[in-house]
C-alpha atoms as a PDB file:
ATOM      1  CA  MET A   1      77.830 102.675  93.344  1.00  0.00           C
ATOM      2  CA  ILE A   2      78.894 104.898  96.191  1.00  0.00           C
ATOM      3  CA  ASP A   3      81.626 104.081  98.698  1.00  0.00           C
ATOM      4  CA  ILE A   4      81.406 105.446 102.212  1.00  0.00           C
ATOM      5  CA  ILE A   5      84.638 105.447 104.184  1.00  0.00           C
ATOM      6  CA  GLY A   6      84.159 106.083 107.868  1.00  0.00           C
ATOM      7  CA  THR A   7      85.103 105.151 111.382  1.00  0.00           C
ATOM      8  CA  LYS A   8      83.394 103.310 114.205  1.00  0.00           C
ATOM      9  CA  ASN A   9      80.991 105.430 116.236  1.00  0.00           C
ATOM     10  CA  CYS A  10      81.034 108.230 113.628  1.00  0.00           C
ATOM     11  CA  SER A  11      77.713 110.050 113.933  1.00  0.00           C
ATOM     12  CA  LYS A  12      78.095 111.778 110.555  1.00  0.00           C
ATOM     13  CA  CYS A  13      78.762 108.393 108.933  1.00  0.00           C
ATOM     14  CA  THR A  14      75.550 107.049 110.441  1.00  0.00           C
ATOM     15  CA  ILE A  15      73.585 110.030 109.135  1.00  0.00           C
ATOM     16  CA  VAL A  16      74.976 109.647 105.607  1.00  0.00           C
ATOM     17  CA  LYS A  17      74.179 105.916 105.562  1.00  0.00           C
ATOM     18  CA  LYS A  18      70.637 106.647 106.774  1.00  0.00           C
ATOM     19  CA  ILE A  19      70.111 109.241 104.023  1.00  0.00           C
ATOM     20  CA  LEU A  20      71.355 106.809 101.381  1.00  0.00           C
ATOM     21  CA  ASP A  21      69.112 104.052 102.765  1.00  0.00           C
ATOM     22  CA  GLU A  22      66.090 106.376 102.694  1.00  0.00           C
ATOM     23  CA  LYS A  23      66.844 107.262  99.065  1.00  0.00           C
ATOM     24  CA  HIS A  24      67.341 103.562  98.217  1.00  0.00           C
ATOM     25  CA  ILE A  25      70.856 104.286  96.980  1.00  0.00           C
ATOM     26  CA  VAL A  26      73.208 101.325  96.977  1.00  0.00           C
ATOM     27  CA  TYR A  27      76.480 101.968  98.773  1.00  0.00           C
ATOM     28  CA  TYR A  28      79.412 100.076 100.173  1.00  0.00           C
ATOM     29  CA  TYR A  29      80.650 101.035 103.647  1.00  0.00           C
ATOM     30  CA  LEU A  30      84.255 100.550 104.773  1.00  0.00           C
ATOM     31  CA  ASP A  31      85.748 101.346 108.154  1.00  0.00           C
ATOM     32  CA  ILE A  32      89.101 103.046 107.531  1.00  0.00           C
ATOM     33  CA  ASN A  33      90.621 100.953 110.322  1.00  0.00           C
ATOM     34  CA  ASP A  34      89.634  97.668 108.677  1.00  0.00           C
ATOM     35  CA  ILE A  35      91.367  98.120 105.326  1.00  0.00           C
ATOM     36  CA  SER A  36      94.890  97.495 104.111  1.00  0.00           C
ATOM     37  CA  ALA A  37      97.599 100.124 104.396  1.00  0.00           C
ATOM     38  CA  GLU A  38      97.622 100.532 100.599  1.00  0.00           C
ATOM     39  CA  GLU A  39      93.869 101.154 100.464  1.00  0.00           C
ATOM     40  CA  LYS A  40      94.051 103.519 103.418  1.00  0.00           C
ATOM     41  CA  GLU A  41      96.806 105.510 101.701  1.00  0.00           C
ATOM     42  CA  TRP A  42      94.773 105.693  98.470  1.00  0.00           C
ATOM     43  CA  TYR A  43      91.681 106.997 100.290  1.00  0.00           C
ATOM     44  CA  MET A  44      93.703 109.470 102.349  1.00  0.00           C
ATOM     45  CA  ASN A  45      95.384 110.833  99.204  1.00  0.00           C
ATOM     46  CA  LEU A  46      91.972 111.185  97.580  1.00  0.00           C
ATOM     47  CA  ALA A  47      90.709 113.068 100.646  1.00  0.00           C
ATOM     48  CA  LYS A  48      93.772 115.312 100.666  1.00  0.00           C
ATOM     49  CA  LYS A  49      93.256 116.237  96.988  1.00  0.00           C
ATOM     50  CA  ALA A  50      89.635 117.122  97.747  1.00  0.00           C
ATOM     51  CA  ASN A  51      90.624 119.029 100.912  1.00  0.00           C
ATOM     52  CA  GLN A  52      88.368 116.663 102.892  1.00  0.00           C
ATOM     53  CA  LYS A  53      89.523 116.506 106.504  1.00  0.00           C
ATOM     54  CA  ASN A  54      86.676 114.638 108.181  1.00  0.00           C
ATOM     55  CA  PHE A  55      84.797 111.387 107.848  1.00  0.00           C
ATOM     56  CA  PRO A  56      82.807 110.151 106.152  1.00  0.00           C
ATOM     57  CA  LEU A  57      84.414 110.189 102.756  1.00  0.00           C
ATOM     58  CA  ILE A  58      81.659 109.814 100.162  1.00  0.00           C
ATOM     59  CA  ILE A  59      83.146 108.524  96.928  1.00  0.00           C
ATOM     60  CA  LYS A  60      81.415 108.218  93.588  1.00  0.00           C
ATOM     61  CA  GLU A  61      83.250 107.289  90.402  1.00  0.00           C
ATOM     62  CA  GLY A  62      86.616 107.781  92.105  1.00  0.00           C
ATOM     63  CA  LYS A  63      85.860 111.310  93.324  1.00  0.00           C
ATOM     64  CA  ILE A  64      84.874 112.612  96.728  1.00  0.00           C
ATOM     65  CA  ILE A  65      81.439 114.196  96.712  1.00  0.00           C
ATOM     66  CA  THR A  66      79.199 115.824  99.295  1.00  0.00           C
ATOM     67  CA  ILE A  67      75.886 114.455 100.493  1.00  0.00           C
ATOM     68  CA  GLU A  68      74.188 117.273  98.590  1.00  0.00           C
ATOM     69  CA  GLU A  69      75.631 115.930  95.327  1.00  0.00           C
ATOM     70  CA  ILE A  70      73.902 112.568  95.708  1.00  0.00           C
END
């Protein structure tokens, strides 16, 4: 399972979701603004460790990956 963390009106998020849909890859999408403070902190720490500064965050098995790694 892949988690996509994004924001409303994020064009890159939309592109990533479309690619996953086309590849029939199951994913779970979360808007960063709709989650608890604890979850948000966890995702932001994960992004910081991976030097990821933009959305979407693509997470597989607890690690941030790129769309090319899918």
